[in-house]
Protein backbone atom coordinates (compact mmCIF):
# COMPACT_ATOMS: atom_id res chain seq x y z
CA MET A 1 57.51 86.58 6.60
CA ASN A 2 61.03 87.23 7.90
CA ASP A 3 62.70 90.66 8.13
CA ARG A 4 65.01 90.14 5.12
CA LYS A 5 62.14 89.31 2.74
CA ARG A 6 60.10 92.21 4.09
CA ILE A 7 62.92 94.72 3.51
CA ASP A 8 63.63 93.28 0.06
CA LEU A 9 60.02 93.71 -1.07
CA LEU A 10 59.81 97.29 0.20
CA SER A 11 63.13 98.21 -1.43
CA ARG A 12 62.13 96.73 -4.79
CA TYR A 13 58.82 98.59 -4.66
CA LEU A 14 60.54 101.93 -4.03
CA ASP A 15 62.95 101.19 -6.91
CA ASP A 16 60.10 100.18 -9.26
CA GLY A 17 61.57 96.69 -9.52
CA LEU A 18 58.70 94.45 -8.42
CA SER A 19 57.57 91.51 -10.51
CA ALA A 20 53.89 90.52 -10.65
CA ASP A 21 54.39 87.80 -8.06
CA GLN A 22 56.26 90.18 -5.81
CA GLU A 23 53.47 92.75 -6.09
CA GLN A 24 51.01 90.13 -4.89
CA ALA A 25 53.30 89.17 -2.02
CA LEU A 26 53.69 92.84 -1.00
CA SER A 27 49.93 93.38 -1.14
CA ALA A 28 49.31 90.34 1.07
CA MET A 29 51.97 91.45 3.55
CA LEU A 30 50.48 94.94 3.88
CA LYS A 31 47.02 93.49 4.48
CA SER A 32 48.12 91.15 7.26
CA ASP A 33 51.09 92.92 8.92
CA GLU A 34 50.33 96.15 10.79
CA GLN A 35 54.00 96.82 11.51
CA ALA A 36 54.84 96.44 7.82
CA ARG A 37 52.06 98.89 6.90
CA GLU A 38 53.42 101.50 9.27
CA LEU A 39 56.96 101.03 7.99
CA PHE A 40 55.74 101.14 4.36
CA TYR A 41 54.00 104.44 5.00
CA HIS A 42 57.06 106.09 6.58
CA LEU A 43 59.48 104.80 3.96
CA SER A 44 57.23 105.96 1.11
CA MET A 45 56.94 109.44 2.60
CA GLN A 46 60.69 109.69 3.14
CA HIS A 47 61.41 108.36 -0.34
CA ALA A 48 59.17 111.05 -1.84
CA LEU A 49 60.80 113.77 0.26
CA LEU A 50 64.28 112.69 -0.82
CA HIS A 51 63.26 112.91 -4.48
CA ARG A 52 61.82 116.36 -3.87
CA LEU A 53 65.06 117.39 -2.16
CA ALA A 54 67.07 116.16 -5.13
CA ARG A 55 64.93 118.17 -7.56
CA THR A 56 65.20 121.27 -5.37
CA THR A 57 68.99 121.19 -5.10
CA ALA A 58 69.28 120.57 -8.86
CA SER A 59 67.28 123.71 -9.69
CA LEU A 60 68.86 127.15 -9.57
CA PRO A 61 68.07 129.12 -6.44
CA PRO A 62 67.31 132.86 -6.74
CA GLY A 63 70.38 135.03 -7.16
CA VAL A 64 72.68 132.33 -8.44
CA GLU A 65 74.90 133.51 -11.31
CA GLN A 66 74.44 131.75 -14.63
CA ASP A 67 77.50 132.93 -16.52
CA ALA A 68 78.90 129.41 -16.63
CA VAL A 69 75.90 127.94 -18.45
CA THR A 70 77.19 127.62 -21.98
CA ALA A 71 76.22 126.03 -25.26
CA PRO A 72 78.03 122.93 -26.52
CA ASP A 73 79.81 124.76 -29.32
CA ASN A 74 81.19 127.46 -27.03
CA ALA A 75 82.41 124.81 -24.61
CA ARG A 76 84.13 122.91 -27.42
CA ALA A 77 85.75 126.08 -28.71
CA ALA A 78 87.03 127.01 -25.27
CA ARG A 79 88.56 123.59 -24.79
CA GLY A 80 89.87 123.28 -28.35
CA ARG A 81 88.10 119.99 -28.97
CA SER A 82 86.11 118.75 -31.95
CA PRO A 83 82.29 118.32 -31.70
CA ASP A 84 82.50 114.54 -32.08
CA ALA A 85 85.04 114.25 -29.30
CA ALA A 86 82.93 116.39 -27.02
CA ARG A 87 79.77 114.31 -27.66
CA SER A 88 81.61 111.10 -26.93
CA ARG A 89 82.74 112.48 -23.60
CA THR A 90 79.53 114.20 -22.44
CA GLY A 91 76.94 111.82 -23.97
CA ALA A 92 74.46 114.72 -24.26
CA ALA A 93 73.61 117.42 -26.75
CA ARG A 94 73.74 120.11 -24.10
CA THR A 95 75.56 120.47 -20.82
CA ARG A 96 74.52 122.82 -18.03
CA ILE A 97 77.21 123.63 -15.49
CA VAL A 98 76.06 125.52 -12.39
CA ARG A 99 78.60 127.54 -10.50
CA PHE A 100 77.36 129.08 -7.20
CA PRO A 101 78.74 132.29 -5.78
CA LYS A 102 81.51 131.67 -3.32
CA ARG A 103 79.71 133.46 -0.46
CA ARG A 104 76.52 131.35 -0.76
CA SER A 105 77.78 127.93 -1.80
CA TRP A 106 78.62 126.79 1.75
CA ARG A 107 75.12 127.64 3.00
CA ILE A 108 73.35 125.65 0.31
CA THR A 109 75.72 122.72 0.81
CA ALA A 110 75.13 122.76 4.59
CA ILE A 111 71.34 122.85 4.21
CA ALA A 112 71.35 119.97 1.74
CA ALA A 113 73.66 117.90 3.94
CA ALA A 114 71.51 118.53 7.01
CA LEU A 115 68.33 117.48 5.20
CA ILE A 116 69.95 114.33 3.87
CA LEU A 117 71.32 113.50 7.34
CA ALA A 118 67.89 114.00 8.94
CA PHE A 119 66.16 111.74 6.45
CA GLY A 120 68.92 109.18 6.86
CA MET A 121 68.38 109.13 10.60
CA MET A 122 64.64 108.66 10.11
CA LEU A 123 65.25 105.76 7.78
CA ASN A 124 67.72 104.24 10.24
CA ARG A 125 65.15 104.43 13.03
CA GLN A 126 62.65 102.57 10.90
CA TRP A 127 65.26 99.94 10.11
CA ASP A 128 66.06 99.58 13.82
CA ARG A 129 62.40 98.99 14.58
CA LEU A 130 62.10 96.35 11.93
CA ILE A 131 65.17 94.32 12.86
CA GLY A 132 64.48 94.66 16.59
CA ARG A 133 67.32 97.00 17.62
CA ASP A 134 66.28 99.03 20.67
CA THR A 135 67.99 102.40 20.19
CA ALA A 136 65.23 104.38 21.95
CA GLY A 137 64.87 102.09 24.99
CA ARG A 138 61.25 101.27 24.19
CA ARG A 139 61.66 97.49 24.37
CA PRO A 140 61.62 95.82 27.77
CA SER A 141 63.95 93.16 29.06
CA VAL A 142 63.48 90.57 31.79
CA VAL A 143 65.18 92.03 34.89
CA GLU A 144 63.82 89.59 37.50
CA LEU A 145 62.56 86.03 37.16
CA VAL A 146 61.34 83.61 39.83
CA GLY A 147 59.72 80.39 38.68
CA PRO A 148 59.01 79.15 35.14
CA ALA A 149 58.06 81.60 32.37
CA SER A 150 57.98 81.43 28.59
CA VAL A 151 57.30 83.67 25.61
CA GLN A 152 55.25 82.92 22.51
CA ARG A 153 56.75 84.74 19.52
CA GLY A 154 54.83 83.96 16.36
CA ALA A 155 54.87 80.19 15.93
CA ASN A 156 57.80 79.74 18.32
CA ARG A 157 57.76 79.31 22.10
CA PHE A 158 60.87 79.45 24.26
CA SER A 159 61.74 79.77 27.94
CA LEU A 160 62.61 83.17 29.38
CA THR A 161 65.77 83.99 31.28
CA THR A 162 66.99 87.14 32.99
CA GLY A 163 68.25 89.58 30.36
CA THR A 164 65.98 88.37 27.53
CA MET A 165 64.91 91.27 25.27
CA LEU A 166 61.24 91.25 24.30
CA ARG A 167 59.49 92.75 21.31
CA ALA A 168 56.03 93.82 20.19
CA GLY A 169 53.69 90.89 19.68
CA ASP A 170 55.32 88.68 22.32
CA GLN A 171 53.00 86.82 24.69
CA ILE A 172 54.56 86.21 28.13
CA VAL A 173 53.20 83.32 30.18
CA CYS A 174 54.11 82.75 33.85
CA ALA A 175 53.33 79.41 35.47
CA GLY A 176 53.09 78.72 39.18
CA ALA A 177 51.29 80.53 41.97
CA GLN A 178 54.58 81.87 43.41
CA SER A 179 56.14 82.99 40.13
CA ARG A 180 57.35 86.56 39.62
CA LEU A 181 58.57 88.14 36.39
CA ALA A 182 59.65 91.79 36.17
CA LEU A 183 60.12 93.72 32.92
CA GLY A 184 62.40 96.74 32.92
CA TYR A 185 62.69 99.67 30.50
CA ALA A 186 65.59 102.05 29.94
CA ASP A 187 63.80 104.96 31.66
CA GLY A 188 63.34 103.02 34.90
CA THR A 189 59.79 101.83 34.26
CA ARG A 190 59.23 98.44 35.86
CA ILE A 191 56.24 96.13 35.31
CA ALA A 192 55.95 92.85 37.25
CA VAL A 193 53.65 89.86 36.72
CA LEU A 194 52.87 88.15 40.05
CA GLY A 195 51.96 84.48 40.12
CA ALA A 196 50.38 82.61 37.23
CA GLY A 197 49.33 84.97 34.46
CA ALA A 198 49.72 86.05 30.86
CA VAL A 199 50.54 89.43 29.31
CA ARG A 200 51.07 90.49 25.69
CA LEU A 201 53.19 93.33 24.30
CA LEU A 202 50.89 94.99 21.77
CA PRO A 203 52.29 96.08 18.37
CA GLN A 204 50.78 99.58 18.47
CA PRO A 205 53.19 102.52 18.73
CA GLY A 206 54.38 103.33 22.25
CA ARG A 207 54.35 101.03 25.26
CA ARG A 208 51.12 99.03 25.30
CA LEU A 209 50.56 95.82 27.24
CA PHE A 210 47.49 93.62 27.49
CA LEU A 211 46.98 91.71 30.76
CA GLU A 212 45.05 88.59 29.81
CA THR A 213 44.86 87.17 33.33
CA GLY A 214 46.75 87.44 36.60
CA VAL A 215 48.09 90.24 38.77
CA LEU A 216 50.38 93.00 37.54
CA GLU A 217 52.29 95.61 39.56
CA ALA A 218 53.77 98.63 37.82
CA GLN A 219 56.09 101.49 38.63
CA ILE A 220 55.93 103.85 35.66
CA ALA A 221 58.54 106.58 35.16
CA PRO A 222 57.19 109.98 34.03
CA GLN A 223 56.06 109.72 30.40
CA PRO A 224 55.42 112.33 27.66
CA SER A 225 51.72 113.19 27.57
CA VAL A 226 51.60 112.33 23.87
CA ARG A 227 53.05 108.82 24.44
CA PRO A 228 51.67 107.39 27.71
CA VAL A 229 52.04 103.80 28.83
CA ILE A 230 48.72 102.02 28.20
CA LEU A 231 47.84 98.82 30.04
CA SER A 232 44.68 97.01 28.94
CA THR A 233 42.50 94.14 30.09
CA SER A 234 39.35 92.69 28.55
CA HIS A 235 37.34 95.18 30.64
CA ALA A 236 39.38 98.38 30.76
CA ASP A 237 42.18 100.56 29.37
CA VAL A 238 44.53 102.24 31.86
CA GLU A 239 46.46 105.26 30.55
CA VAL A 240 49.53 105.98 32.67
CA LEU A 241 51.78 109.04 32.64
CA GLY A 242 53.86 108.10 35.68
CA THR A 243 52.68 106.33 38.82
CA GLN A 244 52.72 103.19 41.00
CA PHE A 245 49.77 100.84 40.99
CA ALA A 246 48.62 97.21 41.01
CA LEU A 247 46.33 95.72 38.36
CA SER A 248 44.46 92.42 38.63
CA ALA A 249 42.47 90.77 35.84
CA THR A 250 40.18 87.75 35.85
CA GLU A 251 37.43 86.66 33.49
CA GLN A 252 34.87 88.37 35.71
CA LYS A 253 36.43 91.74 36.53
CA THR A 254 39.45 94.02 36.69
CA LEU A 255 40.73 95.61 39.91
CA LEU A 256 43.07 98.59 40.10
CA ASP A 257 44.84 99.94 43.20
CA LEU A 258 46.51 103.32 42.62
CA ARG A 259 49.32 104.15 45.05
CA THR A 260 50.95 107.31 43.66
CA GLY A 261 50.28 109.69 40.79
CA ARG A 262 47.14 110.00 38.64
CA LEU A 263 45.76 107.93 35.78
CA ARG A 264 42.65 107.48 33.68
CA ILE A 265 40.79 104.18 33.50
CA ALA A 266 38.04 103.49 30.95
CA CYS A 267 35.37 100.79 30.97
CA LYS A 268 35.23 99.05 27.60
CA ARG A 269 31.62 97.95 28.09
CA SER A 270 30.04 101.32 28.90
CA GLY A 271 32.65 103.69 27.48
CA GLU A 272 32.67 105.60 30.77
CA SER A 273 36.01 106.74 32.13
CA ILE A 274 37.25 108.12 35.42
CA VAL A 275 40.44 109.87 36.54
CA LEU A 276 41.90 108.28 39.67
CA ASN A 277 44.05 110.09 42.20
CA ALA A 278 46.63 108.61 44.53
CA GLY A 279 45.10 106.50 47.29
CA SER A 280 42.04 105.33 45.36
CA SER A 281 40.93 102.22 43.51
CA ALA A 282 38.54 101.10 40.79
CA GLN A 283 36.68 97.93 39.88
CA ILE A 284 35.46 97.16 36.37
CA ALA A 285 33.40 94.11 35.43
CA LYS A 286 31.42 92.96 32.43
CA THR A 287 28.15 93.79 34.18
CA ILE A 288 28.95 97.11 35.88
CA ALA A 289 30.43 100.45 34.92
CA VAL A 290 33.48 102.07 36.48
CA SER A 291 33.28 102.61 40.22
CA ALA A 292 35.85 104.11 42.59
CA SER A 293 36.41 103.86 46.34
CA PRO A 294 39.25 104.61 48.79
CA LEU A 295 42.29 102.41 48.41
CA ILE A 296 43.38 100.18 51.29
CA ARG A 297 47.03 101.07 51.60
CA ARG A 298 49.79 98.49 51.58
CA ARG A 299 53.39 98.71 52.72
CA PRO A 300 55.77 98.72 49.77
CA GLY A 301 57.16 95.28 49.02
CA HIS A 302 54.58 93.38 51.10
CA ILE A 303 51.25 91.85 50.21
CA THR A 304 49.75 92.51 53.64
CA ARG A 305 47.25 95.34 53.68
CA HIS A 306 44.23 96.54 55.64
CA GLY A 307 41.81 94.79 53.30
CA PRO A 308 41.31 91.04 53.06
CA VAL A 309 44.24 88.95 51.89
CA LEU A 310 41.71 86.34 50.73
CA LEU A 311 38.13 87.14 49.69
CA TYR A 312 35.42 84.81 48.37
CA CYS A 313 32.04 86.29 47.36
CA PHE A 314 30.43 83.08 45.98
CA ASP A 315 28.91 84.96 43.04
CA GLU A 316 30.14 82.66 40.26
CA GLY A 317 26.71 81.06 39.85
CA SER A 318 28.00 77.88 38.20
CA GLY A 319 31.01 75.62 37.83
CA THR A 320 33.33 74.06 40.37
CA THR A 321 35.58 77.05 41.13
CA VAL A 322 35.19 79.64 43.90
CA ARG A 323 37.41 82.55 42.93
CA ASP A 324 39.60 84.66 45.18
CA SER A 325 38.61 88.24 44.40
CA SER A 326 40.84 90.01 46.94
CA GLY A 327 43.12 91.42 44.25
CA VAL A 328 46.09 90.82 46.58
CA GLY A 329 48.98 88.82 45.16
CA PRO A 330 48.35 85.62 43.19
CA PRO A 331 44.69 84.54 43.52
CA LEU A 332 44.04 81.44 45.63
CA ASP A 333 40.95 79.93 43.99
CA LEU A 334 39.05 77.05 45.59
CA GLN A 335 37.83 73.86 43.91
CA ILE A 336 34.62 72.04 44.84
CA GLN A 337 35.56 68.36 45.11
CA ASP A 338 32.03 66.91 45.16
CA PRO A 339 29.87 69.29 43.08
CA GLN A 340 26.82 67.01 43.30
CA ARG A 341 26.63 67.80 47.03
CA THR A 342 26.62 71.55 46.51
CA ARG A 343 24.30 74.00 44.78
CA TRP A 344 24.79 77.54 43.52
CA LEU A 345 22.09 79.90 44.78
CA PRO A 346 20.24 82.47 42.65
CA GLY A 347 21.55 85.92 43.46
CA GLY A 348 24.76 84.59 45.02
CA GLY A 349 25.86 82.00 47.52
CA LEU A 350 26.83 78.33 47.61
CA ALA A 351 24.82 75.72 49.51
CA VAL A 352 26.60 72.66 50.93
CA ALA A 353 24.14 69.79 51.42
CA GLY A 354 26.42 66.83 52.13
CA ASN A 355 29.85 65.62 53.09
CA THR A 356 32.16 67.40 50.67
CA ALA A 357 35.25 69.61 50.66
CA ILE A 358 36.09 72.92 49.00
CA ARG A 359 39.85 73.46 48.95
CA SER A 360 42.66 75.40 47.37
CA ALA A 361 44.84 73.57 44.84
CA GLY A 362 47.99 74.83 46.55
CA PRO A 363 49.00 76.13 49.96
CA ALA A 364 47.47 79.29 51.41
CA LEU A 365 50.91 80.82 51.19
CA LYS A 366 50.12 84.53 50.90
CA LEU A 367 47.80 84.42 53.93
CA THR A 368 50.15 82.32 56.04
CA ARG A 369 53.15 84.56 55.34
CA ALA A 370 51.18 87.77 55.89
CA CYS A 371 49.85 86.54 59.25
CA LYS A 372 53.27 85.28 60.37
CA GLU A 373 54.62 88.75 59.69
CA SER A 374 51.84 90.58 61.56
CA ASN A 375 51.05 87.92 64.21
CA ALA A 376 47.42 88.91 63.73
CA LEU A 377 44.37 87.39 62.07
CA SER A 378 40.70 88.06 61.35
CA VAL A 379 38.33 85.40 60.02
CA GLU A 380 35.06 86.83 58.67
CA ALA A 381 32.20 84.67 57.33
CA TRP A 382 28.65 85.33 56.18
CA ILE A 383 27.02 81.90 56.52
CA LYS A 384 23.62 80.28 56.96
CA PRO A 385 23.99 77.05 59.00
CA VAL A 386 21.38 74.32 58.62
CA GLY A 387 21.01 74.52 62.41
CA PRO A 388 22.87 75.45 65.61
CA GLN A 389 23.93 71.88 66.46
CA MET A 390 26.71 70.20 64.44
CA ASP A 391 29.19 67.49 65.31
CA GLY A 392 32.93 67.65 64.99
CA PRO A 393 32.94 70.54 65.66
CA ALA A 394 32.14 71.14 61.98
CA ARG A 395 34.73 73.05 59.96
CA ILE A 396 33.42 76.31 58.52
CA LEU A 397 36.95 76.95 57.23
CA THR A 398 40.42 75.81 58.15
CA VAL A 399 44.07 76.10 57.12
CA SER A 400 45.31 72.70 58.27
CA GLN A 401 46.58 69.26 57.36
CA GLY A 402 44.06 67.38 59.47
CA ALA A 403 42.21 67.40 62.78
CA SER A 404 45.42 67.62 64.84
CA ALA A 405 47.71 69.77 62.66
CA ARG A 406 46.53 73.29 61.86
CA ASN A 407 47.43 76.95 61.55
CA PHE A 408 43.89 78.04 62.46
CA THR A 409 40.28 76.80 62.24
CA LEU A 410 36.85 78.42 62.46
CA ALA A 411 34.25 75.80 63.42
CA GLN A 412 30.71 75.32 64.73
CA GLY A 413 29.34 72.83 67.27
CA GLY A 414 27.14 72.58 70.34
CA GLY A 415 25.35 75.81 69.56
CA ALA A 416 28.60 77.84 69.59
CA TYR A 417 31.44 78.97 67.33
CA TYR A 418 35.10 77.99 67.79
CA LEU A 419 38.41 79.62 66.94
CA ARG A 420 41.39 77.30 67.10
CA VAL A 421 44.74 78.95 66.41
CA GLN A 422 48.26 77.57 66.69
CA VAL A 423 50.59 79.85 68.70
CA SER A 424 54.16 79.36 69.84
CA ALA A 425 53.45 79.57 73.60
CA VAL A 426 50.74 76.87 73.59
CA PRO A 427 51.48 73.19 73.02
CA PRO A 428 50.19 71.77 69.72
CA PRO A 429 47.84 71.51 68.12
CA SER A 430 46.33 74.89 69.06
CA PHE A 431 44.84 77.42 71.46
CA ASN A 432 41.08 76.77 71.46
CA LEU A 433 38.46 79.43 72.13
CA CYS A 434 34.67 79.19 71.83
CA GLY A 435 31.80 81.63 72.18
CA GLY A 436 28.56 82.96 70.78
CA LEU A 437 26.49 80.36 72.61
CA GLY A 438 22.79 80.94 71.97
CA HIS A 439 23.39 83.49 69.24
CA ILE A 440 23.29 81.21 66.17
CA ARG A 441 20.04 82.30 64.61
CA PRO A 442 18.05 80.98 61.65
CA GLY A 443 19.05 82.66 58.41
CA LEU A 444 22.27 84.51 57.70
CA ASN A 445 24.87 84.85 60.45
CA HIS A 446 27.85 87.20 60.44
CA VAL A 447 30.74 85.58 62.34
CA VAL A 448 34.08 87.31 62.95
CA ALA A 449 36.93 85.88 65.05
CA THR A 450 40.04 88.02 65.61
CA ARG A 451 43.48 87.69 67.17
CA ASP A 452 45.53 90.90 67.42
CA GLY A 453 49.30 91.31 67.54
CA SER A 454 49.34 91.30 71.35
CA GLY A 455 47.63 87.90 71.43
CA MET A 456 44.09 88.97 72.43
CA CYS A 457 41.28 86.95 70.82
CA ARG A 458 37.69 88.15 70.38
CA LEU A 459 34.52 86.77 68.82
CA TYR A 460 31.71 88.74 67.17
CA VAL A 461 28.36 87.32 66.07
CA ASN A 462 25.91 89.45 64.05
CA GLY A 463 27.75 92.69 64.69
CA GLU A 464 28.21 92.39 68.45
CA GLN A 465 31.08 91.16 70.61
CA ARG A 466 30.15 87.93 72.43
CA LYS A 467 31.39 86.29 75.63
CA VAL A 468 34.12 83.69 75.15
CA GLY A 469 35.93 81.00 77.10
CA LEU A 470 38.38 78.19 76.67
CA GLU A 471 36.95 75.27 74.75
CA PRO A 472 35.70 72.61 77.23
CA HIS A 473 36.01 68.88 76.70
CA LEU A 474 32.26 68.71 76.07
CA PHE A 475 29.91 71.26 74.59
CA PRO A 476 30.15 74.68 76.28
CA ALA A 477 27.73 75.94 78.89
CA PRO A 478 26.92 79.60 79.69
CA GLU A 479 29.10 79.50 82.80
CA ASP A 480 32.09 78.58 80.59
CA LEU A 481 31.77 81.77 78.54
CA VAL A 482 32.37 84.74 80.83
CA HIS A 483 35.23 86.65 79.18
CA ASP A 484 35.14 89.54 76.73
CA ARG A 485 38.47 88.37 75.34
CA LEU A 486 41.13 85.74 75.91
CA GLU A 487 44.86 85.84 75.35
CA ALA A 488 46.49 83.34 73.00
CA PRO A 489 50.14 84.05 73.92
CA GLY A 490 53.07 83.70 71.55
CA THR A 491 53.47 84.18 67.81
CA PHE A 492 52.52 82.52 64.53
CA SER A 493 56.14 81.56 63.83
CA GLY A 494 55.24 77.86 63.84
CA TRP A 495 52.60 78.15 61.11
CA ASP A 496 53.20 75.66 58.31
CA GLU A 497 53.32 77.29 54.86
CA ARG A 498 52.36 74.01 53.15
CA TYR A 499 48.79 73.88 54.49
CA PRO A 500 45.92 74.60 52.04
CA LEU A 501 42.70 76.46 52.75
CA MET A 502 39.63 74.22 53.23
CA LEU A 503 35.94 75.01 53.52
CA ALA A 504 33.23 72.69 54.90
CA ASN A 505 35.60 69.89 55.98
CA GLU A 506 39.12 68.76 56.89
CA LEU A 507 41.84 67.84 54.44
CA ASN A 508 42.49 64.19 55.29
CA SER A 509 39.87 61.62 54.34
CA ALA A 510 40.26 60.07 57.80
CA ASP A 511 38.99 63.33 59.30
CA ARG A 512 36.04 63.80 56.98
CA ASN A 513 33.55 63.53 59.86
CA ARG A 514 33.94 67.29 60.46
CA SER A 515 31.72 68.35 57.58
CA TRP A 516 29.80 71.63 57.86
CA ARG A 517 26.43 72.08 56.11
CA GLY A 518 24.70 75.29 55.17
CA GLU A 519 25.22 78.25 52.85
CA TYR A 520 28.33 80.33 52.20
CA HIS A 521 27.74 83.92 51.13
CA ARG A 522 31.07 85.60 51.86
CA VAL A 523 34.40 84.65 53.43
CA ALA A 524 37.20 87.16 54.08
CA LEU A 525 40.55 86.52 55.75
CA TYR A 526 42.75 89.37 57.02
CA SER A 527 46.29 89.58 58.35
CA ARG A 528 45.18 92.02 61.05
CA ALA A 529 42.50 92.21 63.74
CA LEU A 530 39.34 94.08 62.76
CA SER A 531 38.11 96.52 65.38
CA ALA A 532 34.63 96.36 66.91
CA GLU A 533 33.63 99.42 64.85
CA GLU A 534 34.81 97.78 61.63
CA VAL A 535 32.97 94.55 62.43
CA ALA A 536 29.75 96.49 63.11
CA ARG A 537 30.16 98.46 59.88
CA ASN A 538 30.68 95.30 57.84
CA TYR A 539 27.63 93.72 59.47
CA ARG A 540 25.47 96.72 58.53
CA ALA A 541 26.83 96.60 54.97
CA GLY A 542 25.67 93.00 54.52
CA PRO A 543 27.21 90.11 52.60
CA THR A 544 26.58 91.49 49.11
CA ALA A 545 28.20 94.91 49.58
CA ARG A 546 30.56 95.54 46.66
CA SER A 547 32.38 98.55 48.04
CA ALA A 548 36.09 97.87 48.49
CA ALA A 549 35.94 100.09 51.57
CA ARG A 550 33.24 97.92 53.11
CA HIS A 551 35.14 94.78 52.21
CA ALA A 552 38.15 96.22 53.96
CA GLY A 553 36.24 97.56 56.93
CA VAL A 554 37.24 101.21 56.48
CA PRO A 555 35.02 104.31 56.13
CA ASP A 556 33.48 105.04 52.74
């Protein structure tokens, strides 16, 4: 029902002018339209108060002189008119004329005018809400837009542009992994949707948004305690009085990183709530209650942080998607291209039994850009190889276009692990390091390869730093691996931002003889070099540790 029909029905009801059909239409509208019910309530209350005001001002207040209240005959005699003439003019058998004392009349007039003005302003505010006028600055507008975005408003869908005003009930949909849409409010509050995602402006009073999926960053101006900003997901409600934070929602869980201020987050499943302080985080899922752990700080305006830029826990249990659960920027999920050659493991993990590939649909852009900025990298993997010997060498994971064009690769072959990384001071395709010979054991292996900002590369296997050397033409021998570290000089400036992330194989079909076989239990990629202490701590924590601090390699 449009605004004009809604206003017409409410006005006719207040004037007692509804027909039977209109009464039915009004009843149906109030049952289905929450905004109309709220407006109906306020208008009815104000209508009743105005009638009460009219009755009050018509009655005689205490102390008012009544010497001018006369009978009809006395009035006719004073004016020298006949009774018939007087009745024709007054239309009433009696007339009461109230004359207030001169000293009090201005006070009563002022009070009545003030009350009428106040009620008029209240009615005008309700009208503004109904027709969409934003006199209080509660409605957001689009202040920044990168990539395609649209809004669903009732039965209509239209594209968004910078400056578009939004209203309660709108569903905003952003498409594209690199999209960015920022909503701005009059008080300086700014809420941004990063990458592909969907958010709805809820019709409840105040500022309430529901993040259906995607990543949201918010900078909330100080709010009145009685009207906080409330951001919701399917798992949690976040009540905000003024702070900066990032919120990420998927079907499995909700992640919250709090940067400044304080807020309360509540788990919808358990009903438990927790107050978070600046520098902390929380994770809420369908199967766990609220938990908090130290936040891994990020530099404002950048997605690089101390925690993993990409994180895969392989806990989906079914399907063909391996989800990025890092909570950093747009998620980079992976797709299993040959599901019949893989198997989800009870309790977590993915087994690869044949020649297949697990790859991202788009480029690994957020990782590539973060590493190019820091000139540092850590590749961490909890894996269970089918054996120490593999040909290729076999690709555990790689960001590349093929066997001879890569940003970096972690591989296994000849009883050792390999880190191949493209740097500006080494001719293409890459600087090649290998190590860990003799340390690939049956069962789970924890493998970490790092390259710090100064160019130094190190390799850790099962919590300990291992000897490394330059990759030989054939399989390495112990005498080839005599260094604690090796320098890969130069920068990552030549990294190609178009390359996807691949697990278990190379991208091109011509290079599909580099397949890795075994089990994946956790993969984390960082835009910094983990220290030896952090690697040892992560090894002790194990592959199933859920603490964000352990994922990030910082103290609990």
